[in-house]
Amino acid sequence: MKSRLKELRAREGYNQTQLAKTAKVSRQTISLIEREEYMPSLLIAVRIARIFNEPVENVFLFEEEEL
């Protein structure tokens, strides 16, 4: 799963710590998601998408073979 998290953070001026606090996760979680080493739960994915006022599928991009 790919994500646009780093791009969206830059657009909104968030650093990893700020986004983590707003999303109620650790900074390490944000870092792992950005490095594509962790797939967030649905709850975390929705929280993050809402922070950026984006649909989940615009933040987290699935490859066809992953579905």
PDB file of N, CA and C in Angstrom:
ATOM      1  N   MET A   1       0.841  -1.174   0.000  1.00  0.00           N
ATOM      2  CA  MET A   1       0.000   0.000   0.000  1.00  0.00           C
ATOM      3  C   MET A   1       0.886   1.237   0.000  1.00  0.00           C
ATOM      4  N   LYS A   2       0.597   2.126  -0.876  1.00  0.00           N
ATOM      5  CA  LYS A   2       1.298   3.404  -0.933  1.00  0.00           C
ATOM      6  C   LYS A   2       0.451   4.439  -0.191  1.00  0.00           C
ATOM      7  N   SER A   3       1.093   5.521   0.196  1.00  0.00           N
ATOM      8  CA  SER A   3       0.327   6.607   0.811  1.00  0.00           C
ATOM      9  C   SER A   3       0.866   7.947   0.338  1.00  0.00           C
ATOM     10  N   ARG A   4       0.017   8.924   0.407  1.00  0.00           N
ATOM     11  CA  ARG A   4       0.390  10.301   0.076  1.00  0.00           C
ATOM     12  C   ARG A   4       0.630  11.100   1.353  1.00  0.00           C
ATOM     13  N   LEU A   5       0.860  10.410   2.442  1.00  0.00           N
ATOM     14  CA  LEU A   5       0.945  11.052   3.748  1.00  0.00           C
ATOM     15  C   LEU A   5       2.004  12.140   3.805  1.00  0.00           C
ATOM     16  N   LYS A   6       3.196  11.839   3.337  1.00  0.00           N
ATOM     17  CA  LYS A   6       4.278  12.826   3.391  1.00  0.00           C
ATOM     18  C   LYS A   6       3.926  14.058   2.561  1.00  0.00           C
ATOM     19  N   GLU A   7       3.380  13.834   1.389  1.00  0.00           N
ATOM     20  CA  GLU A   7       2.960  14.938   0.513  1.00  0.00           C
ATOM     21  C   GLU A   7       1.884  15.797   1.182  1.00  0.00           C
ATOM     22  N   LEU A   8       0.900  15.151   1.779  1.00  0.00           N
ATOM     23  CA  LEU A   8      -0.190  15.892   2.428  1.00  0.00           C
ATOM     24  C   LEU A   8       0.303  16.630   3.668  1.00  0.00           C
ATOM     25  N   ARG A   9       1.203  16.018   4.417  1.00  0.00           N
ATOM     26  CA  ARG A   9       1.779  16.703   5.582  1.00  0.00           C
ATOM     27  C   ARG A   9       2.484  17.976   5.152  1.00  0.00           C
ATOM     28  N   ALA A  10       3.266  17.886   4.087  1.00  0.00           N
ATOM     29  CA  ALA A  10       3.990  19.055   3.584  1.00  0.00           C
ATOM     30  C   ALA A  10       3.019  20.138   3.134  1.00  0.00           C
ATOM     31  N   ARG A  11       1.977  19.730   2.434  1.00  0.00           N
ATOM     32  CA  ARG A  11       0.980  20.682   1.940  1.00  0.00           C
ATOM     33  C   ARG A  11       0.331  21.459   3.085  1.00  0.00           C
ATOM     34  N   GLU A  12       0.055  20.745   4.182  1.00  0.00           N
ATOM     35  CA  GLU A  12      -0.632  21.369   5.322  1.00  0.00           C
ATOM     36  C   GLU A  12       0.311  21.931   6.374  1.00  0.00           C
ATOM     37  N   GLY A  13       1.619  21.702   6.218  1.00  0.00           N
ATOM     38  CA  GLY A  13       2.600  22.245   7.154  1.00  0.00           C
ATOM     39  C   GLY A  13       2.714  21.481   8.463  1.00  0.00           C
ATOM     40  N   TYR A  14       2.332  20.211   8.459  1.00  0.00           N
ATOM     41  CA  TYR A  14       2.468  19.376   9.654  1.00  0.00           C
ATOM     42  C   TYR A  14       3.829  18.703   9.661  1.00  0.00           C
ATOM     43  N   ASN A  15       4.428  18.554  10.832  1.00  0.00           N
ATOM     44  CA  ASN A  15       5.555  17.644  10.949  1.00  0.00           C
ATOM     45  C   ASN A  15       4.992  16.314  11.460  1.00  0.00           C
ATOM     46  N   GLN A  16       5.816  15.291  11.529  1.00  0.00           N
ATOM     47  CA  GLN A  16       5.315  13.976  11.936  1.00  0.00           C
ATOM     48  C   GLN A  16       4.725  13.995  13.338  1.00  0.00           C
ATOM     49  N   THR A  17       5.366  14.708  14.241  1.00  0.00           N
ATOM     50  CA  THR A  17       4.894  14.764  15.628  1.00  0.00           C
ATOM     51  C   THR A  17       3.528  15.434  15.722  1.00  0.00           C
ATOM     52  N   GLN A  18       3.350  16.538  15.019  1.00  0.00           N
ATOM     53  CA  GLN A  18       2.062  17.240  15.035  1.00  0.00           C
ATOM     54  C   GLN A  18       0.945  16.370  14.472  1.00  0.00           C
ATOM     55  N   LEU A  19       1.227  15.717  13.345  1.00  0.00           N
ATOM     56  CA  LEU A  19       0.213  14.853  12.744  1.00  0.00           C
ATOM     57  C   LEU A  19      -0.113  13.695  13.672  1.00  0.00           C
ATOM     58  N   ALA A  20       0.903  13.098  14.261  1.00  0.00           N
ATOM     59  CA  ALA A  20       0.688  11.977  15.172  1.00  0.00           C
ATOM     60  C   ALA A  20      -0.214  12.369  16.333  1.00  0.00           C
ATOM     61  N   LYS A  21       0.060  13.520  16.921  1.00  0.00           N
ATOM     62  CA  LYS A  21      -0.746  13.984  18.055  1.00  0.00           C
ATOM     63  C   LYS A  21      -2.196  14.210  17.622  1.00  0.00           C
ATOM     64  N   THR A  22      -2.395  14.819  16.472  1.00  0.00           N
ATOM     65  CA  THR A  22      -3.746  15.088  15.971  1.00  0.00           C
ATOM     66  C   THR A  22      -4.476  13.787  15.653  1.00  0.00           C
ATOM     67  N   ALA A  23      -3.750  12.808  15.111  1.00  0.00           N
ATOM     68  CA  ALA A  23      -4.357  11.525  14.728  1.00  0.00           C
ATOM     69  C   ALA A  23      -4.425  10.537  15.897  1.00  0.00           C
ATOM     70  N   LYS A  24      -3.860  10.916  17.040  1.00  0.00           N
ATOM     71  CA  LYS A  24      -3.855  10.073  18.243  1.00  0.00           C
ATOM     72  C   LYS A  24      -3.086   8.775  18.030  1.00  0.00           C
ATOM     73  N   VAL A  25      -1.924   8.907  17.393  1.00  0.00           N
ATOM     74  CA  VAL A  25      -1.005   7.784  17.213  1.00  0.00           C
ATOM     75  C   VAL A  25       0.398   8.269  17.559  1.00  0.00           C
ATOM     76  N   SER A  26       1.355   7.363  17.541  1.00  0.00           N
ATOM     77  CA  SER A  26       2.730   7.763  17.832  1.00  0.00           C
ATOM     78  C   SER A  26       3.393   8.344  16.582  1.00  0.00           C
ATOM     79  N   ARG A  27       4.445   9.102  16.791  1.00  0.00           N
ATOM     80  CA  ARG A  27       5.212   9.626  15.671  1.00  0.00           C
ATOM     81  C   ARG A  27       5.812   8.475  14.875  1.00  0.00           C
ATOM     82  N   GLN A  28       6.196   7.415  15.573  1.00  0.00           N
ATOM     83  CA  GLN A  28       6.759   6.256  14.907  1.00  0.00           C
ATOM     84  C   GLN A  28       5.750   5.623  13.942  1.00  0.00           C
ATOM     85  N   THR A  29       4.480   5.628  14.316  1.00  0.00           N
ATOM     86  CA  THR A  29       3.439   5.089  13.429  1.00  0.00           C
ATOM     87  C   THR A  29       3.383   5.881  12.141  1.00  0.00           C
ATOM     88  N   ILE A  30       3.420   7.202  12.249  1.00  0.00           N
ATOM     89  CA  ILE A  30       3.394   8.054  11.051  1.00  0.00           C
ATOM     90  C   ILE A  30       4.618   7.768  10.193  1.00  0.00           C
ATOM     91  N   SER A  31       5.768   7.663  10.814  1.00  0.00           N
ATOM     92  CA  SER A  31       6.995   7.377  10.088  1.00  0.00           C
ATOM     93  C   SER A  31       6.916   6.030   9.369  1.00  0.00           C
ATOM     94  N   LEU A  32       6.425   5.009  10.031  1.00  0.00           N
ATOM     95  CA  LEU A  32       6.301   3.683   9.424  1.00  0.00           C
ATOM     96  C   LEU A  32       5.326   3.691   8.250  1.00  0.00           C
ATOM     97  N   ILE A  33       4.227   4.399   8.391  1.00  0.00           N
ATOM     98  CA  ILE A  33       3.266   4.502   7.286  1.00  0.00           C
ATOM     99  C   ILE A  33       3.921   5.177   6.090  1.00  0.00           C
ATOM    100  N   GLU A  34       4.624   6.259   6.327  1.00  0.00           N
ATOM    101  CA  GLU A  34       5.281   6.988   5.239  1.00  0.00           C
ATOM    102  C   GLU A  34       6.331   6.137   4.539  1.00  0.00           C
ATOM    103  N   ARG A  35       7.004   5.265   5.278  1.00  0.00           N
ATOM    104  CA  ARG A  35       8.024   4.394   4.692  1.00  0.00           C
ATOM    105  C   ARG A  35       7.425   3.106   4.125  1.00  0.00           C
ATOM    106  N   GLU A  36       6.107   3.014   4.175  1.00  0.00           N
ATOM    107  CA  GLU A  36       5.361   1.853   3.664  1.00  0.00           C
ATOM    108  C   GLU A  36       5.759   0.565   4.369  1.00  0.00           C
ATOM    109  N   GLU A  37       6.055   0.682   5.667  1.00  0.00           N
ATOM    110  CA  GLU A  37       6.420  -0.474   6.477  1.00  0.00           C
ATOM    111  C   GLU A  37       5.293  -0.876   7.420  1.00  0.00           C
ATOM    112  N   TYR A  38       4.194  -0.147   7.384  1.00  0.00           N
ATOM    113  CA  TYR A  38       3.062  -0.420   8.271  1.00  0.00           C
ATOM    114  C   TYR A  38       1.780  -0.033   7.550  1.00  0.00           C
ATOM    115  N   MET A  39       0.798  -0.916   7.604  1.00  0.00           N
ATOM    116  CA  MET A  39      -0.508  -0.619   7.035  1.00  0.00           C
ATOM    117  C   MET A  39      -1.432  -0.251   8.200  1.00  0.00           C
ATOM    118  N   PRO A  40      -1.938   0.976   8.224  1.00  0.00           N
ATOM    119  CA  PRO A  40      -2.753   1.404   9.357  1.00  0.00           C
ATOM    120  C   PRO A  40      -4.096   0.682   9.391  1.00  0.00           C
ATOM    121  N   SER A  41      -4.661   0.618  10.571  1.00  0.00           N
ATOM    122  CA  SER A  41      -6.011   0.081  10.713  1.00  0.00           C
ATOM    123  C   SER A  41      -6.979   1.028  10.014  1.00  0.00           C
ATOM    124  N   LEU A  42      -8.167   0.559   9.790  1.00  0.00           N
ATOM    125  CA  LEU A  42      -9.195   1.383   9.156  1.00  0.00           C
ATOM    126  C   LEU A  42      -9.459   2.638   9.994  1.00  0.00           C
ATOM    127  N   LEU A  43      -9.518   2.485  11.293  1.00  0.00           N
ATOM    128  CA  LEU A  43      -9.773   3.623  12.181  1.00  0.00           C
ATOM    129  C   LEU A  43      -8.686   4.695  12.034  1.00  0.00           C
ATOM    130  N   ILE A  44      -7.436   4.287  12.046  1.00  0.00           N
ATOM    131  CA  ILE A  44      -6.329   5.243  11.902  1.00  0.00           C
ATOM    132  C   ILE A  44      -6.353   5.878  10.516  1.00  0.00           C
ATOM    133  N   ALA A  45      -6.604   5.076   9.495  1.00  0.00           N
ATOM    134  CA  ALA A  45      -6.654   5.602   8.130  1.00  0.00           C
ATOM    135  C   ALA A  45      -7.751   6.654   7.982  1.00  0.00           C
ATOM    136  N   VAL A  46      -8.911   6.402   8.555  1.00  0.00           N
ATOM    137  CA  VAL A  46     -10.015   7.373   8.476  1.00  0.00           C
ATOM    138  C   VAL A  46      -9.664   8.640   9.246  1.00  0.00           C
ATOM    139  N   ARG A  47      -9.076   8.492  10.431  1.00  0.00           N
ATOM    140  CA  ARG A  47      -8.675   9.679  11.204  1.00  0.00           C
ATOM    141  C   ARG A  47      -7.720  10.555  10.406  1.00  0.00           C
ATOM    142  N   ILE A  48      -6.717   9.916   9.805  1.00  0.00           N
ATOM    143  CA  ILE A  48      -5.722  10.665   9.041  1.00  0.00           C
ATOM    144  C   ILE A  48      -6.366  11.336   7.837  1.00  0.00           C
ATOM    145  N   ALA A  49      -7.200  10.618   7.128  1.00  0.00           N
ATOM    146  CA  ALA A  49      -7.871  11.191   5.954  1.00  0.00           C
ATOM    147  C   ALA A  49      -8.716  12.400   6.345  1.00  0.00           C
ATOM    148  N   ARG A  50      -9.416  12.310   7.460  1.00  0.00           N
ATOM    149  CA  ARG A  50     -10.258  13.432   7.907  1.00  0.00           C
ATOM    150  C   ARG A  50      -9.424  14.655   8.270  1.00  0.00           C
ATOM    151  N   ILE A  51      -8.246  14.449   8.819  1.00  0.00           N
ATOM    152  CA  ILE A  51      -7.370  15.571   9.158  1.00  0.00           C
ATOM    153  C   ILE A  51      -7.069  16.384   7.905  1.00  0.00           C
ATOM    154  N   PHE A  52      -6.875  15.690   6.786  1.00  0.00           N
ATOM    155  CA  PHE A  52      -6.547  16.356   5.532  1.00  0.00           C
ATOM    156  C   PHE A  52      -7.772  16.650   4.678  1.00  0.00           C
ATOM    157  N   ASN A  53      -8.953  16.338   5.214  1.00  0.00           N
ATOM    158  CA  ASN A  53     -10.203  16.566   4.485  1.00  0.00           C
ATOM    159  C   ASN A  53     -10.170  15.881   3.107  1.00  0.00           C
ATOM    160  N   GLU A  54      -9.704  14.646   3.109  1.00  0.00           N
ATOM    161  CA  GLU A  54      -9.574  13.848   1.885  1.00  0.00           C
ATOM    162  C   GLU A  54     -10.278  12.513   2.097  1.00  0.00           C
ATOM    163  N   PRO A  55     -10.793  11.920   1.032  1.00  0.00           N
ATOM    164  CA  PRO A  55     -11.290  10.546   1.145  1.00  0.00           C
ATOM    165  C   PRO A  55     -10.121   9.601   1.441  1.00  0.00           C
ATOM    166  N   VAL A  56     -10.384   8.545   2.161  1.00  0.00           N
ATOM    167  CA  VAL A  56      -9.344   7.580   2.514  1.00  0.00           C
ATOM    168  C   VAL A  56      -8.592   7.107   1.272  1.00  0.00           C
ATOM    169  N   GLU A  57      -9.327   6.844   0.198  1.00  0.00           N
ATOM    170  CA  GLU A  57      -8.682   6.318  -1.007  1.00  0.00           C
ATOM    171  C   GLU A  57      -7.800   7.341  -1.720  1.00  0.00           C
ATOM    172  N   ASN A  58      -7.875   8.611  -1.336  1.00  0.00           N
ATOM    173  CA  ASN A  58      -6.965   9.629  -1.876  1.00  0.00           C
ATOM    174  C   ASN A  58      -5.690   9.755  -1.044  1.00  0.00           C
ATOM    175  N   VAL A  59      -5.726   9.206   0.159  1.00  0.00           N
ATOM    176  CA  VAL A  59      -4.563   9.251   1.035  1.00  0.00           C
ATOM    177  C   VAL A  59      -3.787   7.933   0.959  1.00  0.00           C
ATOM    178  N   PHE A  60      -4.513   6.831   0.960  1.00  0.00           N
ATOM    179  CA  PHE A  60      -3.913   5.501   0.926  1.00  0.00           C
ATOM    180  C   PHE A  60      -4.280   4.831  -0.388  1.00  0.00           C
ATOM    181  N   LEU A  61      -3.262   4.462  -1.142  1.00  0.00           N
ATOM    182  CA  LEU A  61      -3.452   3.940  -2.491  1.00  0.00           C
ATOM    183  C   LEU A  61      -3.097   2.452  -2.528  1.00  0.00           C
ATOM    184  N   PHE A  62      -4.056   1.646  -2.904  1.00  0.00           N
ATOM    185  CA  PHE A  62      -3.855   0.205  -2.963  1.00  0.00           C
ATOM    186  C   PHE A  62      -3.531  -0.225  -4.378  1.00  0.00           C
ATOM    187  N   GLU A  63      -2.588  -1.134  -4.473  1.00  0.00           N
ATOM    188  CA  GLU A  63      -2.282  -1.774  -5.749  1.00  0.00           C
ATOM    189  C   GLU A  63      -3.369  -2.820  -6.007  1.00  0.00           C
ATOM    190  N   GLU A  64      -3.695  -3.065  -7.235  1.00  0.00           N
ATOM    191  CA  GLU A  64      -4.762  -4.007  -7.578  1.00  0.00           C
ATOM    192  C   GLU A  64      -4.519  -5.384  -6.965  1.00  0.00           C
ATOM    193  N   GLU A  65      -3.278  -5.849  -6.952  1.00  0.00           N
ATOM    194  CA  GLU A  65      -2.995  -7.174  -6.423  1.00  0.00           C
ATOM    195  C   GLU A  65      -3.161  -7.253  -4.911  1.00  0.00           C
ATOM    196  N   GLU A  66      -3.227  -6.108  -4.237  1.00  0.00           N
ATOM    197  CA  GLU A  66      -3.432  -6.088  -2.784  1.00  0.00           C
ATOM    198  C   GLU A  66      -4.899  -6.263  -2.416  1.00  0.00           C
ATOM    199  N   LEU A  67      -5.783  -6.008  -3.350  1.00  0.00           N
ATOM    200  CA  LEU A  67      -7.218  -6.059  -3.063  1.00  0.00           C
ATOM    201  C   LEU A  67      -7.777  -7.444  -3.223  1.00  0.00           C
TER     202      LEU A  67
END
